[in-house]
Amino acid sequence: MARALAQQGRQLSEIGDLFLAEWYRVLPDHSGSSPADPLTLGGKMDLAALTAALNQILDANCEAILDGNGSATAKLKIVVPLPPVTDRQELKNYLKYNTDYARGMGAAVVFGCGK
């Protein structure tokens, strides 16, 4: 189902680490400052650096983009994954051994769209 795999010697968890590092870079210190609006912080994110890092981690040509256009009313684009198997029996077996699939996929989709 994944559209890209990690390059040899790399881990997909590095993507989460990459995003966390960028969030820490753009978020203000909490010491007395007002809470930051994540939508306005998007303009401070270094998309070129994120793109370069993603291309080093994944075996695909990537481009980092922000979810939405900076507007709270922007429609969310939700990627609908293709089935990880080729028939219903395989899907039944897949789900038998991946019991947290639905919960995990739901969290991944919601996180992926930024809400």
N, C-alpha and C. Protein backbone atom coordinates (compact mmCIF):
# COMPACT_ATOMS: atom_id res chain seq x y z
N MET A 1 0.82 -1.18 0.00
CA MET A 1 0.00 0.00 0.00
C MET A 1 0.87 1.25 0.00
N ALA A 2 2.03 1.20 0.60
CA ALA A 2 2.89 2.39 0.66
C ALA A 2 3.30 2.79 -0.74
N ARG A 3 3.27 4.07 -1.01
CA ARG A 3 3.66 4.57 -2.32
C ARG A 3 5.17 4.77 -2.41
N ALA A 4 5.84 4.67 -1.28
CA ALA A 4 7.29 4.79 -1.26
C ALA A 4 7.81 4.02 -0.06
N LEU A 5 9.00 3.54 -0.19
CA LEU A 5 9.67 2.83 0.90
C LEU A 5 10.88 3.65 1.33
N ALA A 6 11.37 3.33 2.50
CA ALA A 6 12.60 3.98 2.96
C ALA A 6 13.77 3.47 2.13
N GLN A 7 14.71 4.35 1.87
CA GLN A 7 15.93 3.93 1.19
C GLN A 7 16.69 2.96 2.10
N GLN A 8 17.57 2.18 1.50
CA GLN A 8 18.35 1.23 2.28
C GLN A 8 19.13 1.97 3.37
N GLY A 9 19.03 1.45 4.57
CA GLY A 9 19.71 2.05 5.71
C GLY A 9 18.94 3.19 6.37
N ARG A 10 17.75 3.50 5.87
CA ARG A 10 16.93 4.57 6.44
C ARG A 10 15.68 3.97 7.05
N GLN A 11 15.00 4.71 7.93
CA GLN A 11 13.79 4.26 8.61
C GLN A 11 12.67 5.25 8.33
N LEU A 12 11.44 4.73 8.16
CA LEU A 12 10.29 5.63 7.97
C LEU A 12 10.06 6.51 9.19
N SER A 13 10.49 6.05 10.35
CA SER A 13 10.34 6.87 11.57
C SER A 13 11.13 8.18 11.47
N GLU A 14 12.10 8.23 10.57
CA GLU A 14 12.86 9.47 10.38
C GLU A 14 11.97 10.60 9.88
N ILE A 15 10.88 10.25 9.18
CA ILE A 15 9.96 11.28 8.69
C ILE A 15 9.29 11.97 9.87
N GLY A 16 8.82 11.18 10.84
CA GLY A 16 8.24 11.77 12.05
C GLY A 16 9.24 12.65 12.77
N ASP A 17 10.48 12.17 12.87
CA ASP A 17 11.54 12.96 13.52
C ASP A 17 11.79 14.26 12.76
N LEU A 18 11.75 14.19 11.43
CA LEU A 18 11.96 15.37 10.60
C LEU A 18 10.88 16.41 10.86
N PHE A 19 9.62 15.97 10.89
CA PHE A 19 8.52 16.90 11.13
C PHE A 19 8.61 17.49 12.54
N LEU A 20 8.92 16.67 13.53
CA LEU A 20 9.04 17.18 14.90
C LEU A 20 10.13 18.23 14.99
N ALA A 21 11.26 17.97 14.34
CA ALA A 21 12.36 18.94 14.37
C ALA A 21 11.92 20.27 13.75
N GLU A 22 11.16 20.21 12.65
CA GLU A 22 10.69 21.44 12.01
C GLU A 22 9.68 22.16 12.89
N TRP A 23 8.79 21.41 13.53
CA TRP A 23 7.83 22.03 14.44
C TRP A 23 8.54 22.73 15.59
N TYR A 24 9.55 22.06 16.17
CA TYR A 24 10.31 22.70 17.25
C TYR A 24 11.02 23.95 16.74
N ARG A 25 11.46 23.94 15.50
CA ARG A 25 12.16 25.10 14.94
C ARG A 25 11.23 26.30 14.80
N VAL A 26 9.98 26.08 14.38
CA VAL A 26 9.10 27.22 14.09
C VAL A 26 8.22 27.65 15.26
N LEU A 27 7.99 26.77 16.22
CA LEU A 27 7.15 27.13 17.36
C LEU A 27 7.89 28.05 18.33
N PRO A 28 7.19 29.04 18.89
CA PRO A 28 7.83 29.91 19.86
C PRO A 28 7.98 29.20 21.20
N ASP A 29 8.91 29.71 22.01
CA ASP A 29 9.02 29.21 23.38
C ASP A 29 7.73 29.56 24.11
N HIS A 30 7.35 28.74 25.05
CA HIS A 30 6.10 28.98 25.77
C HIS A 30 6.29 30.04 26.87
N SER A 31 7.52 30.39 27.14
CA SER A 31 7.80 31.30 28.26
C SER A 31 7.22 32.69 28.02
N GLY A 32 5.96 32.85 28.44
CA GLY A 32 5.32 34.16 28.39
C GLY A 32 4.80 34.57 27.03
N SER A 33 5.10 33.82 25.99
CA SER A 33 4.61 34.22 24.67
C SER A 33 3.19 33.69 24.46
N SER A 34 2.47 34.35 23.58
CA SER A 34 1.10 33.91 23.30
C SER A 34 1.15 32.64 22.46
N PRO A 35 0.11 31.81 22.56
CA PRO A 35 0.09 30.58 21.77
C PRO A 35 0.16 30.89 20.28
N ALA A 36 0.89 30.06 19.56
CA ALA A 36 1.06 30.26 18.12
C ALA A 36 -0.08 29.59 17.37
N ASP A 37 -0.48 30.19 16.26
CA ASP A 37 -1.47 29.60 15.37
C ASP A 37 -0.71 28.74 14.37
N PRO A 38 -0.92 27.40 14.38
CA PRO A 38 -0.18 26.54 13.46
C PRO A 38 -0.32 26.93 11.99
N LEU A 39 -1.47 27.52 11.61
CA LEU A 39 -1.64 27.91 10.21
C LEU A 39 -0.66 29.00 9.81
N THR A 40 -0.39 29.95 10.70
CA THR A 40 0.56 31.01 10.36
C THR A 40 2.00 30.51 10.43
N LEU A 41 2.24 29.50 11.23
CA LEU A 41 3.60 28.96 11.32
C LEU A 41 4.01 28.24 10.05
N GLY A 42 3.02 27.79 9.28
CA GLY A 42 3.34 27.13 8.02
C GLY A 42 4.20 27.98 7.11
N GLY A 43 3.98 29.28 7.14
CA GLY A 43 4.78 30.19 6.32
C GLY A 43 6.23 30.26 6.75
N LYS A 44 6.52 29.81 7.94
CA LYS A 44 7.89 29.83 8.44
C LYS A 44 8.62 28.50 8.21
N MET A 45 7.87 27.48 7.79
CA MET A 45 8.50 26.18 7.57
C MET A 45 9.35 26.21 6.31
N ASP A 46 10.47 25.54 6.36
CA ASP A 46 11.41 25.50 5.24
C ASP A 46 11.06 24.30 4.36
N LEU A 47 10.16 24.51 3.40
CA LEU A 47 9.70 23.41 2.56
C LEU A 47 10.81 22.85 1.66
N ALA A 48 11.73 23.68 1.24
CA ALA A 48 12.84 23.21 0.42
C ALA A 48 13.72 22.24 1.21
N ALA A 49 14.00 22.60 2.46
CA ALA A 49 14.82 21.72 3.31
C ALA A 49 14.07 20.43 3.63
N LEU A 50 12.76 20.54 3.88
CA LEU A 50 11.96 19.34 4.14
C LEU A 50 11.93 18.43 2.92
N THR A 51 11.78 19.02 1.73
CA THR A 51 11.79 18.24 0.50
C THR A 51 13.11 17.51 0.34
N ALA A 52 14.20 18.21 0.55
CA ALA A 52 15.53 17.59 0.42
C ALA A 52 15.69 16.43 1.40
N ALA A 53 15.24 16.63 2.63
CA ALA A 53 15.36 15.58 3.63
C ALA A 53 14.48 14.38 3.28
N LEU A 54 13.25 14.63 2.83
CA LEU A 54 12.37 13.52 2.44
C LEU A 54 12.96 12.72 1.29
N ASN A 55 13.59 13.41 0.34
CA ASN A 55 14.21 12.71 -0.79
C ASN A 55 15.41 11.88 -0.37
N GLN A 56 16.03 12.22 0.75
CA GLN A 56 17.13 11.41 1.26
C GLN A 56 16.61 10.18 2.01
N ILE A 57 15.41 10.28 2.56
CA ILE A 57 14.84 9.18 3.35
C ILE A 57 14.11 8.18 2.47
N LEU A 58 13.32 8.67 1.51
CA LEU A 58 12.45 7.79 0.72
C LEU A 58 13.05 7.46 -0.64
N ASP A 59 12.61 6.34 -1.20
CA ASP A 59 13.08 5.92 -2.51
C ASP A 59 12.16 6.44 -3.63
N ALA A 60 11.61 7.63 -3.43
CA ALA A 60 10.72 8.24 -4.41
C ALA A 60 11.05 9.72 -4.51
N ASN A 61 10.65 10.33 -5.60
CA ASN A 61 10.82 11.76 -5.76
C ASN A 61 9.70 12.45 -4.98
N CYS A 62 10.05 13.23 -3.98
CA CYS A 62 9.07 13.83 -3.06
C CYS A 62 9.07 15.35 -3.17
N GLU A 63 7.98 15.93 -2.73
CA GLU A 63 7.89 17.37 -2.58
C GLU A 63 7.11 17.67 -1.31
N ALA A 64 7.67 18.42 -0.41
CA ALA A 64 6.99 18.80 0.82
C ALA A 64 6.05 19.95 0.52
N ILE A 65 4.78 19.79 0.89
CA ILE A 65 3.79 20.85 0.77
C ILE A 65 3.03 20.93 2.08
N LEU A 66 2.45 22.07 2.35
CA LEU A 66 1.66 22.22 3.56
C LEU A 66 0.24 21.76 3.30
N ASP A 67 -0.41 21.22 4.32
CA ASP A 67 -1.80 20.84 4.16
C ASP A 67 -2.65 22.10 4.23
N GLY A 68 -3.55 22.25 3.29
CA GLY A 68 -4.38 23.45 3.26
C GLY A 68 -3.62 24.63 2.70
N ASN A 69 -4.27 25.75 2.63
CA ASN A 69 -3.64 26.96 2.07
C ASN A 69 -3.42 28.03 3.14
N GLY A 70 -3.39 27.60 4.39
CA GLY A 70 -3.23 28.56 5.47
C GLY A 70 -4.56 29.10 5.97
N SER A 71 -5.65 28.56 5.47
CA SER A 71 -6.97 29.01 5.87
C SER A 71 -7.66 27.92 6.66
N ALA A 72 -8.30 28.30 7.75
CA ALA A 72 -9.01 27.32 8.55
C ALA A 72 -10.21 26.75 7.81
N THR A 73 -10.64 27.42 6.74
CA THR A 73 -11.80 26.93 5.99
C THR A 73 -11.40 26.13 4.76
N ALA A 74 -10.11 25.96 4.52
CA ALA A 74 -9.66 25.21 3.35
C ALA A 74 -10.09 23.75 3.47
N LYS A 75 -10.49 23.17 2.35
CA LYS A 75 -10.85 21.76 2.36
C LYS A 75 -9.63 20.91 2.63
N LEU A 76 -9.82 19.84 3.38
CA LEU A 76 -8.74 18.90 3.63
C LEU A 76 -8.70 17.89 2.50
N LYS A 77 -7.53 17.60 2.01
CA LYS A 77 -7.36 16.58 0.99
C LYS A 77 -6.94 15.30 1.70
N ILE A 78 -7.79 14.30 1.64
CA ILE A 78 -7.52 13.04 2.32
C ILE A 78 -7.18 11.98 1.29
N VAL A 79 -6.01 11.41 1.42
CA VAL A 79 -5.57 10.37 0.50
C VAL A 79 -6.25 9.06 0.90
N VAL A 80 -6.94 8.46 -0.05
CA VAL A 80 -7.60 7.17 0.18
C VAL A 80 -6.65 6.08 -0.31
N PRO A 81 -6.17 5.23 0.59
CA PRO A 81 -5.20 4.22 0.18
C PRO A 81 -5.84 3.10 -0.63
N LEU A 82 -5.02 2.45 -1.43
CA LEU A 82 -5.45 1.26 -2.15
C LEU A 82 -5.36 0.07 -1.22
N PRO A 83 -6.12 -0.99 -1.49
CA PRO A 83 -6.05 -2.18 -0.62
C PRO A 83 -4.63 -2.76 -0.61
N PRO A 84 -4.19 -3.30 0.53
CA PRO A 84 -2.84 -3.86 0.62
C PRO A 84 -2.75 -5.28 0.06
N VAL A 85 -3.87 -5.82 -0.40
CA VAL A 85 -3.93 -7.20 -0.91
C VAL A 85 -4.78 -7.22 -2.17
N THR A 86 -4.92 -8.43 -2.78
CA THR A 86 -5.60 -8.51 -4.07
C THR A 86 -6.99 -9.14 -4.03
N ASP A 87 -7.39 -9.72 -2.89
CA ASP A 87 -8.74 -10.29 -2.82
C ASP A 87 -9.26 -10.27 -1.39
N ARG A 88 -10.54 -10.59 -1.23
CA ARG A 88 -11.19 -10.51 0.08
C ARG A 88 -10.61 -11.50 1.08
N GLN A 89 -10.27 -12.70 0.64
CA GLN A 89 -9.70 -13.67 1.57
C GLN A 89 -8.35 -13.19 2.09
N GLU A 90 -7.52 -12.64 1.21
CA GLU A 90 -6.24 -12.08 1.66
C GLU A 90 -6.47 -10.93 2.63
N LEU A 91 -7.49 -10.12 2.35
CA LEU A 91 -7.79 -9.00 3.24
C LEU A 91 -8.22 -9.51 4.62
N LYS A 92 -9.03 -10.56 4.63
CA LYS A 92 -9.46 -11.15 5.91
C LYS A 92 -8.25 -11.64 6.69
N ASN A 93 -7.33 -12.32 6.03
CA ASN A 93 -6.11 -12.81 6.69
C ASN A 93 -5.23 -11.65 7.14
N TYR A 94 -5.11 -10.64 6.31
CA TYR A 94 -4.30 -9.46 6.65
C TYR A 94 -4.82 -8.80 7.92
N LEU A 95 -6.14 -8.63 7.98
CA LEU A 95 -6.74 -7.98 9.15
C LEU A 95 -6.65 -8.84 10.40
N LYS A 96 -6.64 -10.15 10.21
CA LYS A 96 -6.50 -11.07 11.34
C LYS A 96 -5.17 -10.85 12.06
N TYR A 97 -4.12 -10.58 11.30
CA TYR A 97 -2.79 -10.40 11.89
C TYR A 97 -2.41 -8.93 12.11
N ASN A 98 -3.26 -8.05 11.66
CA ASN A 98 -3.03 -6.61 11.85
C ASN A 98 -4.27 -6.02 12.51
N THR A 99 -4.48 -6.40 13.75
CA THR A 99 -5.73 -6.07 14.45
C THR A 99 -5.91 -4.58 14.69
N ASP A 100 -4.84 -3.82 14.69
CA ASP A 100 -4.96 -2.38 14.92
C ASP A 100 -5.00 -1.59 13.62
N TYR A 101 -5.20 -2.28 12.51
CA TYR A 101 -5.15 -1.63 11.20
C TYR A 101 -6.14 -0.47 11.09
N ALA A 102 -7.41 -0.71 11.39
CA ALA A 102 -8.42 0.34 11.21
C ALA A 102 -8.13 1.55 12.09
N ARG A 103 -7.79 1.31 13.36
CA ARG A 103 -7.49 2.42 14.25
C ARG A 103 -6.24 3.16 13.79
N GLY A 104 -5.22 2.41 13.42
CA GLY A 104 -3.98 3.03 12.97
C GLY A 104 -4.16 3.79 11.68
N MET A 105 -4.92 3.22 10.74
CA MET A 105 -5.14 3.89 9.47
C MET A 105 -5.94 5.17 9.69
N GLY A 106 -6.95 5.11 10.54
CA GLY A 106 -7.73 6.31 10.82
C GLY A 106 -6.86 7.41 11.40
N ALA A 107 -6.00 7.06 12.33
CA ALA A 107 -5.11 8.06 12.93
C ALA A 107 -4.14 8.61 11.89
N ALA A 108 -3.62 7.73 11.03
CA ALA A 108 -2.68 8.17 10.00
C ALA A 108 -3.34 9.12 9.03
N VAL A 109 -4.56 8.82 8.61
CA VAL A 109 -5.27 9.68 7.66
C VAL A 109 -5.58 11.03 8.29
N VAL A 110 -6.07 11.03 9.51
CA VAL A 110 -6.41 12.28 10.17
C VAL A 110 -5.15 13.10 10.44
N PHE A 111 -4.09 12.45 10.86
CA PHE A 111 -2.85 13.18 11.08
C PHE A 111 -2.31 13.70 9.76
N GLY A 112 -2.40 12.87 8.74
CA GLY A 112 -1.88 13.26 7.43
C GLY A 112 -2.57 14.47 6.85
N CYS A 113 -3.83 14.67 7.18
CA CYS A 113 -4.54 15.82 6.63
C CYS A 113 -4.42 17.03 7.55
N GLY A 114 -3.80 16.87 8.70
CA GLY A 114 -3.52 18.01 9.55
C GLY A 114 -4.59 18.38 10.54
N LYS A 115 -5.63 17.56 10.70
CA LYS A 115 -6.68 17.89 11.67
C LYS A 115 -6.90 16.73 12.60
